Amino acid sequence: MMETFGIHSKTLVVLGITTYLAGLALGSLLLAPLSEMYGRRPVYLIAVFMFIVLIIPCALAQNLGTILAVRFLGAIAGSAMISNAPGSVSDIVSDEYRALAFSIWSIGPMNGPIIGPLIGGFVFQFKGWRWTNWVVMIGAGASFFMVLITPETYAPAILRAKSAKKRKVTGDERWYSRYDDKKRFWPLLRENLIRPISMAVKEPICIFWNVYIALVYGVMYLCFVSYPIVFSELRGWTPGMTGLAFSGIGVGGLITIGCVRMIPVQIARTVLLQFWLFRDKLL
């Protein structure tokens, strides 16, 4: 891409990652509240469709500015799959199995950024950088199909739809659900948009996890920038082989996810063992 656009500054190229992450952050604040107003499915469908559409100008771009702008907008749309998916998991999984379900779900967002460079490295090596966008578009198309056949999971949205259908079929306006919104659109939108921001800066648990996730993502995306320099430029690896270097991060993530169920069990066993050994002193 640097050769295509005649760019000599590596900092400008790295801006593509920066604008994409900025779009993910902004999109999460916008789309997550909207899913609680209109349900998960409509937000998924519109967001994924827009993400697919925005890949086209990125693949056909004739300058870096177009790529940066489109990647920012595409990230806003694509953020729905990250910000709303935990809500969908919470909708359909009981409390007993929710931790395990979230562990399985986290394989996607944690290893997706790893699989991307792994596949993209070989695609770039043999087909050029524009084809990396077409490959992403193919994957996004498959995601759109899966979203298309996925039913609504958000209980308030389901109940609102049922009550609206009853009113339409029977003509009786007495049919309603407790989730039918009595507020006007703009006050309701304002309330839902302000809530996550307020929680992010006021709730200690949210502050802790925001800082932690920021650190994790910062380190991970720093690897995306530094690996090509270390392995391609300094060691002379091909783009495909450089992509394989990311597999270590993915394997480590999978091992961690696999240990999620074992760690609490081991902690419980240790606590019980300590209690048994020192029961006389404790009692």
C-alpha atoms as a PDB file:
ATOM      1  CA  MET A   1       0.000   0.000   0.000  1.00  0.00           C
ATOM      2  CA  MET A   2       2.909   2.349   0.700  1.00  0.00           C
ATOM      3  CA  GLU A   3       4.158   1.752  -2.831  1.00  0.00           C
ATOM      4  CA  THR A   4       0.684   2.155  -4.348  1.00  0.00           C
ATOM      5  CA  PHE A   5       0.091   5.561  -2.775  1.00  0.00           C
ATOM      6  CA  GLY A   6       3.717   6.685  -2.688  1.00  0.00           C
ATOM      7  CA  ILE A   7       3.797   6.929   1.107  1.00  0.00           C
ATOM      8  CA  HIS A   8       7.157   7.038   2.854  1.00  0.00           C
ATOM      9  CA  SER A   9       6.012   7.624   6.431  1.00  0.00           C
ATOM     10  CA  LYS A  10       5.214   4.479   8.421  1.00  0.00           C
ATOM     11  CA  THR A  11       3.327   6.595  10.927  1.00  0.00           C
ATOM     12  CA  LEU A  12       0.693   7.447   8.323  1.00  0.00           C
ATOM     13  CA  VAL A  13       0.148   3.778   7.528  1.00  0.00           C
ATOM     14  CA  VAL A  14      -0.247   2.914  11.208  1.00  0.00           C
ATOM     15  CA  LEU A  15      -3.033   5.504  11.396  1.00  0.00           C
ATOM     16  CA  GLY A  16      -5.261   2.872   9.786  1.00  0.00           C
ATOM     17  CA  ILE A  17      -5.138   0.855  13.002  1.00  0.00           C
ATOM     18  CA  THR A  18      -5.648   3.980  15.113  1.00  0.00           C
ATOM     19  CA  THR A  19      -8.741   5.128  13.238  1.00  0.00           C
ATOM     20  CA  TYR A  20     -10.169   1.603  13.292  1.00  0.00           C
ATOM     21  CA  LEU A  21      -9.798   1.340  17.071  1.00  0.00           C
ATOM     22  CA  ALA A  22     -11.309   4.804  17.495  1.00  0.00           C
ATOM     23  CA  GLY A  23     -14.284   3.672  15.435  1.00  0.00           C
ATOM     24  CA  LEU A  24     -14.693   0.541  17.549  1.00  0.00           C
ATOM     25  CA  ALA A  25     -14.701   2.617  20.734  1.00  0.00           C
ATOM     26  CA  LEU A  26     -17.212   5.152  19.437  1.00  0.00           C
ATOM     27  CA  GLY A  27     -19.432   2.537  17.818  1.00  0.00           C
ATOM     28  CA  SER A  28     -19.664   0.515  21.013  1.00  0.00           C
ATOM     29  CA  LEU A  29     -21.007   3.550  22.863  1.00  0.00           C
ATOM     30  CA  LEU A  30     -23.615   4.159  20.162  1.00  0.00           C
ATOM     31  CA  LEU A  31     -24.787   0.715  19.085  1.00  0.00           C
ATOM     32  CA  ALA A  32     -24.958  -1.072  22.432  1.00  0.00           C
ATOM     33  CA  PRO A  33     -27.649   1.297  23.807  1.00  0.00           C
ATOM     34  CA  LEU A  34     -29.562   1.101  20.529  1.00  0.00           C
ATOM     35  CA  SER A  35     -29.793  -2.674  20.903  1.00  0.00           C
ATOM     36  CA  GLU A  36     -31.638  -2.145  24.182  1.00  0.00           C
ATOM     37  CA  MET A  37     -34.074   0.212  22.498  1.00  0.00           C
ATOM     38  CA  TYR A  38     -34.853  -1.803  19.362  1.00  0.00           C
ATOM     39  CA  GLY A  39     -33.472  -5.270  20.089  1.00  0.00           C
ATOM     40  CA  ARG A  40     -30.284  -7.052  19.113  1.00  0.00           C
ATOM     41  CA  ARG A  41     -31.312  -8.317  15.681  1.00  0.00           C
ATOM     42  CA  PRO A  42     -32.117  -5.010  13.922  1.00  0.00           C
ATOM     43  CA  VAL A  43     -28.842  -3.497  15.111  1.00  0.00           C
ATOM     44  CA  TYR A  44     -26.901  -6.559  13.957  1.00  0.00           C
ATOM     45  CA  LEU A  45     -28.517  -6.577  10.521  1.00  0.00           C
ATOM     46  CA  ILE A  46     -28.043  -2.885   9.796  1.00  0.00           C
ATOM     47  CA  ALA A  47     -24.537  -2.711  11.274  1.00  0.00           C
ATOM     48  CA  VAL A  48     -23.180  -5.788   9.495  1.00  0.00           C
ATOM     49  CA  PHE A  49     -24.749  -4.701   6.204  1.00  0.00           C
ATOM     50  CA  MET A  50     -23.140  -1.263   6.508  1.00  0.00           C
ATOM     51  CA  PHE A  51     -19.827  -2.893   7.389  1.00  0.00           C
ATOM     52  CA  ILE A  52     -19.971  -4.950   4.192  1.00  0.00           C
ATOM     53  CA  VAL A  53     -20.851  -1.916   2.080  1.00  0.00           C
ATOM     54  CA  LEU A  54     -18.023   0.162   3.559  1.00  0.00           C
ATOM     55  CA  ILE A  55     -15.453  -2.480   2.647  1.00  0.00           C
ATOM     56  CA  ILE A  56     -15.970  -1.717  -1.055  1.00  0.00           C
ATOM     57  CA  PRO A  57     -14.635   1.879  -1.049  1.00  0.00           C
ATOM     58  CA  CYS A  58     -11.777   0.735   1.164  1.00  0.00           C
ATOM     59  CA  ALA A  59     -10.758  -1.931  -1.350  1.00  0.00           C
ATOM     60  CA  LEU A  60     -11.089   0.471  -4.291  1.00  0.00           C
ATOM     61  CA  ALA A  61      -9.520   3.494  -2.564  1.00  0.00           C
ATOM     62  CA  GLN A  62      -7.113   5.633  -4.545  1.00  0.00           C
ATOM     63  CA  ASN A  63      -5.595   7.475  -1.586  1.00  0.00           C
ATOM     64  CA  LEU A  64      -4.824   6.927   2.079  1.00  0.00           C
ATOM     65  CA  GLY A  65      -7.355   9.493   3.283  1.00  0.00           C
ATOM     66  CA  THR A  66     -10.209   7.455   1.842  1.00  0.00           C
ATOM     67  CA  ILE A  67      -8.978   4.332   3.593  1.00  0.00           C
ATOM     68  CA  LEU A  68      -8.663   6.081   6.949  1.00  0.00           C
ATOM     69  CA  ALA A  69     -12.145   7.602   6.736  1.00  0.00           C
ATOM     70  CA  VAL A  70     -13.830   4.415   5.542  1.00  0.00           C
ATOM     71  CA  ARG A  71     -12.061   2.253   8.113  1.00  0.00           C
ATOM     72  CA  PHE A  72     -13.277   4.584  10.854  1.00  0.00           C
ATOM     73  CA  LEU A  73     -16.881   4.363   9.660  1.00  0.00           C
ATOM     74  CA  GLY A  74     -16.589   0.629   9.061  1.00  0.00           C
ATOM     75  CA  ALA A  75     -15.289   0.114  12.581  1.00  0.00           C
ATOM     76  CA  ILE A  76     -18.309   1.955  13.988  1.00  0.00           C
ATOM     77  CA  ALA A  77     -20.571  -0.471  12.135  1.00  0.00           C
ATOM     78  CA  GLY A  78     -18.477  -3.527  12.967  1.00  0.00           C
ATOM     79  CA  SER A  79     -18.400  -2.680  16.660  1.00  0.00           C
ATOM     80  CA  ALA A  80     -21.927  -4.077  16.974  1.00  0.00           C
ATOM     81  CA  MET A  81     -20.530  -7.602  16.861  1.00  0.00           C
ATOM     82  CA  ILE A  82     -18.269  -6.865  19.840  1.00  0.00           C
ATOM     83  CA  SER A  83     -20.455  -4.609  21.976  1.00  0.00           C
ATOM     84  CA  ASN A  84     -23.806  -6.367  21.477  1.00  0.00           C
ATOM     85  CA  ALA A  85     -22.709  -9.999  21.358  1.00  0.00           C
ATOM     86  CA  PRO A  86     -22.175 -10.253  25.146  1.00  0.00           C
ATOM     87  CA  GLY A  87     -25.751  -9.069  25.563  1.00  0.00           C
ATOM     88  CA  SER A  88     -26.960 -11.799  23.219  1.00  0.00           C
ATOM     89  CA  VAL A  89     -25.016 -14.426  25.169  1.00  0.00           C
ATOM     90  CA  SER A  90     -26.485 -13.130  28.413  1.00  0.00           C
ATOM     91  CA  ASP A  91     -29.975 -13.275  26.888  1.00  0.00           C
ATOM     92  CA  ILE A  92     -29.890 -16.980  26.071  1.00  0.00           C
ATOM     93  CA  VAL A  93     -27.585 -18.522  28.699  1.00  0.00           C
ATOM     94  CA  SER A  94     -28.541 -19.090  32.328  1.00  0.00           C
ATOM     95  CA  ASP A  95     -26.431 -17.829  35.218  1.00  0.00           C
ATOM     96  CA  GLU A  96     -25.024 -21.297  35.876  1.00  0.00           C
ATOM     97  CA  TYR A  97     -23.360 -21.612  32.474  1.00  0.00           C
ATOM     98  CA  ARG A  98     -22.846 -17.942  31.631  1.00  0.00           C
ATOM     99  CA  ALA A  99     -19.155 -17.840  32.578  1.00  0.00           C
ATOM    100  CA  LEU A 100     -18.445 -20.840  30.342  1.00  0.00           C
ATOM    101  CA  ALA A 101     -20.497 -19.325  27.522  1.00  0.00           C
ATOM    102  CA  PHE A 102     -18.591 -16.052  27.723  1.00  0.00           C
ATOM    103  CA  SER A 103     -15.314 -17.964  27.681  1.00  0.00           C
ATOM    104  CA  ILE A 104     -16.330 -19.717  24.474  1.00  0.00           C
ATOM    105  CA  TRP A 105     -17.578 -16.465  22.954  1.00  0.00           C
ATOM    106  CA  SER A 106     -14.328 -14.677  23.816  1.00  0.00           C
ATOM    107  CA  ILE A 107     -12.464 -16.998  21.449  1.00  0.00           C
ATOM    108  CA  GLY A 108     -13.806 -14.835  18.619  1.00  0.00           C
ATOM    109  CA  PRO A 109     -12.818 -11.310  19.689  1.00  0.00           C
ATOM    110  CA  MET A 110      -9.548 -12.497  21.225  1.00  0.00           C
ATOM    111  CA  ASN A 111      -8.406 -14.688  18.331  1.00  0.00           C
ATOM    112  CA  GLY A 112     -10.062 -12.837  15.461  1.00  0.00           C
ATOM    113  CA  PRO A 113      -7.318 -10.188  15.429  1.00  0.00           C
ATOM    114  CA  ILE A 114      -4.810 -13.054  15.376  1.00  0.00           C
ATOM    115  CA  ILE A 115      -6.401 -15.033  12.550  1.00  0.00           C
ATOM    116  CA  GLY A 116      -6.706 -11.834  10.512  1.00  0.00           C
ATOM    117  CA  PRO A 117      -2.953 -11.179  10.138  1.00  0.00           C
ATOM    118  CA  LEU A 118      -2.317 -14.901   9.729  1.00  0.00           C
ATOM    119  CA  ILE A 119      -4.623 -15.178   6.714  1.00  0.00           C
ATOM    120  CA  GLY A 120      -4.064 -11.624   5.549  1.00  0.00           C
ATOM    121  CA  GLY A 121      -0.306 -12.102   5.412  1.00  0.00           C
ATOM    122  CA  PHE A 122      -0.562 -14.829   2.782  1.00  0.00           C
ATOM    123  CA  VAL A 123      -3.334 -13.005   0.900  1.00  0.00           C
ATOM    124  CA  PHE A 124      -1.210  -9.856   0.756  1.00  0.00           C
ATOM    125  CA  GLN A 125       1.853 -11.835  -0.293  1.00  0.00           C
ATOM    126  CA  PHE A 126       0.187 -13.559  -3.237  1.00  0.00           C
ATOM    127  CA  LYS A 127      -2.738 -11.294  -4.208  1.00  0.00           C
ATOM    128  CA  GLY A 128      -1.892  -7.795  -2.968  1.00  0.00           C
ATOM    129  CA  TRP A 129      -3.294  -5.559  -0.239  1.00  0.00           C
ATOM    130  CA  ARG A 130      -6.598  -4.849  -1.989  1.00  0.00           C
ATOM    131  CA  TRP A 131      -7.525  -8.517  -1.862  1.00  0.00           C
ATOM    132  CA  THR A 132      -7.285  -8.504   1.928  1.00  0.00           C
ATOM    133  CA  ASN A 133     -10.414  -6.333   1.867  1.00  0.00           C
ATOM    134  CA  TRP A 134     -12.253  -8.727  -0.440  1.00  0.00           C
ATOM    135  CA  VAL A 135     -11.439 -11.627   1.881  1.00  0.00           C
ATOM    136  CA  VAL A 136     -12.829  -9.628   4.807  1.00  0.00           C
ATOM    137  CA  MET A 137     -15.926  -8.923   2.736  1.00  0.00           C
ATOM    138  CA  ILE A 138     -16.441 -12.643   2.132  1.00  0.00           C
ATOM    139  CA  GLY A 139     -16.203 -13.325   5.857  1.00  0.00           C
ATOM    140  CA  ALA A 140     -18.555 -10.448   6.644  1.00  0.00           C
ATOM    141  CA  GLY A 141     -21.027 -11.816   4.109  1.00  0.00           C
ATOM    142  CA  ALA A 142     -21.029 -15.157   5.912  1.00  0.00           C
ATOM    143  CA  SER A 143     -21.601 -13.306   9.194  1.00  0.00           C
ATOM    144  CA  PHE A 144     -24.515 -11.407   7.684  1.00  0.00           C
ATOM    145  CA  PHE A 145     -26.124 -14.674   6.608  1.00  0.00           C
ATOM    146  CA  MET A 146     -25.789 -16.090  10.127  1.00  0.00           C
ATOM    147  CA  VAL A 147     -27.257 -12.919  11.632  1.00  0.00           C
ATOM    148  CA  LEU A 148     -30.081 -13.105   9.106  1.00  0.00           C
ATOM    149  CA  ILE A 149     -31.199 -16.516  10.382  1.00  0.00           C
ATOM    150  CA  THR A 150     -30.688 -15.647  14.062  1.00  0.00           C
ATOM    151  CA  PRO A 151     -33.898 -14.745  15.929  1.00  0.00           C
ATOM    152  CA  GLU A 152     -34.275 -11.885  18.363  1.00  0.00           C
ATOM    153  CA  THR A 153     -32.960 -12.744  21.842  1.00  0.00           C
ATOM    154  CA  TYR A 154     -33.596  -9.578  23.860  1.00  0.00           C
ATOM    155  CA  ALA A 155     -36.617 -10.310  26.077  1.00  0.00           C
ATOM    156  CA  PRO A 156     -38.016  -6.739  26.254  1.00  0.00           C
ATOM    157  CA  ALA A 157     -37.878  -6.436  22.458  1.00  0.00           C
ATOM    158  CA  ILE A 158     -39.647  -9.796  22.063  1.00  0.00           C
ATOM    159  CA  LEU A 159     -42.401  -8.788  24.481  1.00  0.00           C
ATOM    160  CA  ARG A 160     -42.834  -5.397  22.810  1.00  0.00           C
ATOM    161  CA  ALA A 161     -43.197  -7.111  19.434  1.00  0.00           C
ATOM    162  CA  LYS A 162     -45.735  -9.588  20.829  1.00  0.00           C
ATOM    163  CA  SER A 163     -47.870  -6.885  22.430  1.00  0.00           C
ATOM    164  CA  ALA A 164     -47.762  -4.801  19.247  1.00  0.00           C
ATOM    165  CA  LYS A 165     -48.841  -7.834  17.208  1.00  0.00           C
ATOM    166  CA  LYS A 166     -51.705  -8.522  19.615  1.00  0.00           C
ATOM    167  CA  ARG A 167     -52.908  -4.928  19.349  1.00  0.00           C
ATOM    168  CA  LYS A 168     -52.762  -5.088  15.575  1.00  0.00           C
ATOM    169  CA  VAL A 169     -54.541  -8.445  15.274  1.00  0.00           C
ATOM    170  CA  THR A 170     -57.250  -7.852  17.875  1.00  0.00           C
ATOM    171  CA  GLY A 171     -57.616  -4.108  17.547  1.00  0.00           C
ATOM    172  CA  ASP A 172     -57.608  -3.965  21.338  1.00  0.00           C
ATOM    173  CA  GLU A 173     -55.252  -1.281  22.637  1.00  0.00           C
ATOM    174  CA  ARG A 174     -55.317  -2.802  26.109  1.00  0.00           C
ATOM    175  CA  TRP A 175     -52.671  -5.320  25.089  1.00  0.00           C
ATOM    176  CA  TYR A 176     -49.328  -4.044  26.310  1.00  0.00           C
ATOM    177  CA  SER A 177     -46.093  -5.172  27.932  1.00  0.00           C
ATOM    178  CA  ARG A 178     -44.279  -3.550  30.789  1.00  0.00           C
ATOM    179  CA  TYR A 179     -41.444  -2.746  28.389  1.00  0.00           C
ATOM    180  CA  ASP A 180     -43.564  -0.607  26.084  1.00  0.00           C
ATOM    181  CA  ASP A 181     -41.776   2.727  26.052  1.00  0.00           C
ATOM    182  CA  LYS A 182     -43.869   5.630  27.219  1.00  0.00           C
ATOM    183  CA  LYS A 183     -41.102   8.169  26.664  1.00  0.00           C
ATOM    184  CA  ARG A 184     -40.554  10.034  23.440  1.00  0.00           C
ATOM    185  CA  PHE A 185     -37.795   8.974  21.083  1.00  0.00           C
ATOM    186  CA  TRP A 186     -35.178  11.660  21.755  1.00  0.00           C
ATOM    187  CA  PRO A 187     -35.356  11.605  25.585  1.00  0.00           C
ATOM    188  CA  LEU A 188     -35.208   7.806  25.467  1.00  0.00           C
ATOM    189  CA  LEU A 189     -32.242   7.877  23.079  1.00  0.00           C
ATOM    190  CA  ARG A 190     -30.456  10.412  25.253  1.00  0.00           C
ATOM    191  CA  GLU A 191     -31.014   8.282  28.349  1.00  0.00           C
ATOM    192  CA  ASN A 192     -29.691   5.125  26.693  1.00  0.00           C
ATOM    193  CA  LEU A 193     -26.641   6.877  25.250  1.00  0.00           C
ATOM    194  CA  ILE A 194     -25.677   8.612  28.484  1.00  0.00           C
ATOM    195  CA  ARG A 195     -26.075   5.514  30.677  1.00  0.00           C
ATOM    196  CA  PRO A 196     -22.971   3.589  29.462  1.00  0.00           C
ATOM    197  CA  ILE A 197     -20.805   6.715  29.606  1.00  0.00           C
ATOM    198  CA  SER A 198     -22.006   7.451  33.121  1.00  0.00           C
ATOM    199  CA  MET A 199     -21.317   3.890  34.248  1.00  0.00           C
ATOM    200  CA  ALA A 200     -17.878   3.929  32.620  1.00  0.00           C
ATOM    201  CA  VAL A 201     -16.726   6.907  34.692  1.00  0.00           C
ATOM    202  CA  LYS A 202     -18.663   6.345  37.933  1.00  0.00           C
ATOM    203  CA  GLU A 203     -18.751   2.589  38.559  1.00  0.00           C
ATOM    204  CA  PRO A 204     -15.481   1.236  40.057  1.00  0.00           C
ATOM    205  CA  ILE A 205     -15.878  -2.188  38.453  1.00  0.00           C
ATOM    206  CA  CYS A 206     -16.396  -0.588  35.037  1.00  0.00           C
ATOM    207  CA  ILE A 207     -13.395   1.689  35.527  1.00  0.00           C
ATOM    208  CA  PHE A 208     -11.223  -1.293  36.463  1.00  0.00           C
ATOM    209  CA  TRP A 209     -12.253  -3.388  33.471  1.00  0.00           C
ATOM    210  CA  ASN A 210     -12.016  -0.454  31.082  1.00  0.00           C
ATOM    211  CA  VAL A 211      -8.423   0.163  32.144  1.00  0.00           C
ATOM    212  CA  TYR A 212      -7.610  -3.546  31.997  1.00  0.00           C
ATOM    213  CA  ILE A 213      -9.117  -4.065  28.545  1.00  0.00           C
ATOM    214  CA  ALA A 214      -7.422  -0.898  27.302  1.00  0.00           C
ATOM    215  CA  LEU A 215      -4.081  -2.286  28.466  1.00  0.00           C
ATOM    216  CA  VAL A 216      -4.695  -5.694  26.881  1.00  0.00           C
ATOM    217  CA  TYR A 217      -5.810  -4.240  23.558  1.00  0.00           C
ATOM    218  CA  GLY A 218      -2.981  -1.712  23.639  1.00  0.00           C
ATOM    219  CA  VAL A 219      -0.372  -4.450  23.998  1.00  0.00           C
ATOM    220  CA  MET A 220      -2.045  -6.652  21.386  1.00  0.00           C
ATOM    221  CA  TYR A 221      -2.326  -3.933  18.761  1.00  0.00           C
ATOM    222  CA  LEU A 222       1.200  -2.789  19.534  1.00  0.00           C
ATOM    223  CA  CYS A 223       2.218  -6.278  18.424  1.00  0.00           C
ATOM    224  CA  PHE A 224       0.347  -5.738  15.155  1.00  0.00           C
ATOM    225  CA  VAL A 225       2.512  -2.707  14.501  1.00  0.00           C
ATOM    226  CA  SER A 226       5.821  -4.078  15.759  1.00  0.00           C
ATOM    227  CA  TYR A 227       5.730  -7.640  14.375  1.00  0.00           C
ATOM    228  CA  PRO A 228       6.055  -6.575  10.707  1.00  0.00           C
ATOM    229  CA  ILE A 229       9.027  -4.400  11.663  1.00  0.00           C
ATOM    230  CA  VAL A 230      10.727  -7.094  13.731  1.00  0.00           C
ATOM    231  CA  PHE A 231      10.086 -10.074  11.482  1.00  0.00           C
ATOM    232  CA  SER A 232       9.675  -8.635   7.972  1.00  0.00           C
ATOM    233  CA  GLU A 233      12.120  -5.747   7.947  1.00  0.00           C
ATOM    234  CA  LEU A 234      14.771  -6.927  10.397  1.00  0.00           C
ATOM    235  CA  ARG A 235      14.632 -10.683   9.772  1.00  0.00           C
ATOM    236  CA  GLY A 236      13.478 -10.707   6.180  1.00  0.00           C
ATOM    237  CA  TRP A 237      10.426 -12.911   6.666  1.00  0.00           C
ATOM    238  CA  THR A 238       7.736 -12.967   4.002  1.00  0.00           C
ATOM    239  CA  PRO A 239       4.341 -11.379   4.858  1.00  0.00           C
ATOM    240  CA  GLY A 240       2.812 -14.843   5.147  1.00  0.00           C
ATOM    241  CA  MET A 241       5.446 -16.056   7.593  1.00  0.00           C
ATOM    242  CA  THR A 242       5.147 -12.823   9.562  1.00  0.00           C
ATOM    243  CA  GLY A 243       1.431 -13.511   9.915  1.00  0.00           C
ATOM    244  CA  LEU A 244       2.257 -16.916  11.388  1.00  0.00           C
ATOM    245  CA  ALA A 245       4.203 -15.156  14.138  1.00  0.00           C
ATOM    246  CA  PHE A 246       0.869 -14.006  15.583  1.00  0.00           C
ATOM    247  CA  SER A 247      -0.197 -17.603  16.208  1.00  0.00           C
ATOM    248  CA  GLY A 248       1.607 -17.600  19.558  1.00  0.00           C
ATOM    249  CA  ILE A 249      -0.764 -14.949  20.879  1.00  0.00           C
ATOM    250  CA  GLY A 250      -3.729 -16.982  19.685  1.00  0.00           C
ATOM    251  CA  VAL A 251      -2.496 -20.206  21.274  1.00  0.00           C
ATOM    252  CA  GLY A 252      -1.885 -18.399  24.554  1.00  0.00           C
ATOM    253  CA  GLY A 253      -5.402 -16.988  24.468  1.00  0.00           C
ATOM    254  CA  LEU A 254      -6.912 -20.418  23.832  1.00  0.00           C
ATOM    255  CA  ILE A 255      -4.962 -21.933  26.722  1.00  0.00           C
ATOM    256  CA  THR A 256      -6.184 -19.176  29.026  1.00  0.00           C
ATOM    257  CA  ILE A 257      -9.785 -19.641  27.930  1.00  0.00           C
ATOM    258  CA  GLY A 258      -9.456 -23.386  28.427  1.00  0.00           C
ATOM    259  CA  CYS A 259      -8.298 -22.830  32.002  1.00  0.00           C
ATOM    260  CA  VAL A 260     -11.280 -20.678  32.934  1.00  0.00           C
ATOM    261  CA  ARG A 261     -13.263 -23.623  34.265  1.00  0.00           C
ATOM    262  CA  MET A 262     -10.275 -25.213  35.998  1.00  0.00           C
ATOM    263  CA  ILE A 263      -8.991 -22.170  37.884  1.00  0.00           C
ATOM    264  CA  PRO A 264     -12.086 -21.647  40.115  1.00  0.00           C
ATOM    265  CA  VAL A 265     -12.166 -25.385  40.875  1.00  0.00           C
ATOM    266  CA  GLN A 266      -8.500 -25.349  41.847  1.00  0.00           C
ATOM    267  CA  ILE A 267      -9.011 -22.292  44.046  1.00  0.00           C
ATOM    268  CA  ALA A 268     -11.952 -23.961  45.782  1.00  0.00           C
ATOM    269  CA  ARG A 269      -9.915 -27.116  46.365  1.00  0.00           C
ATOM    270  CA  THR A 270      -7.042 -25.102  47.823  1.00  0.00           C
ATOM    271  CA  VAL A 271      -9.359 -23.211  50.167  1.00  0.00           C
ATOM    272  CA  LEU A 272     -11.015 -26.422  51.338  1.00  0.00           C
ATOM    273  CA  LEU A 273      -7.641 -28.083  51.838  1.00  0.00           C
ATOM    274  CA  GLN A 274      -6.361 -25.158  53.900  1.00  0.00           C
ATOM    275  CA  PHE A 275      -9.522 -25.202  55.968  1.00  0.00           C
ATOM    276  CA  TRP A 276      -9.156 -28.944  56.573  1.00  0.00           C
ATOM    277  CA  LEU A 277      -5.499 -28.673  57.594  1.00  0.00           C
ATOM    278  CA  PHE A 278      -6.042 -25.767  59.964  1.00  0.00           C
ATOM    279  CA  ARG A 279      -9.569 -26.568  61.108  1.00  0.00           C
ATOM    280  CA  ASP A 280      -8.494 -27.054  64.725  1.00  0.00           C
ATOM    281  CA  LYS A 281      -6.955 -23.587  64.911  1.00  0.00           C
ATOM    282  CA  LEU A 282      -9.870 -21.988  63.121  1.00  0.00           C
ATOM    283  CA  LEU A 283     -12.482 -23.676  65.272  1.00  0.00           C
END
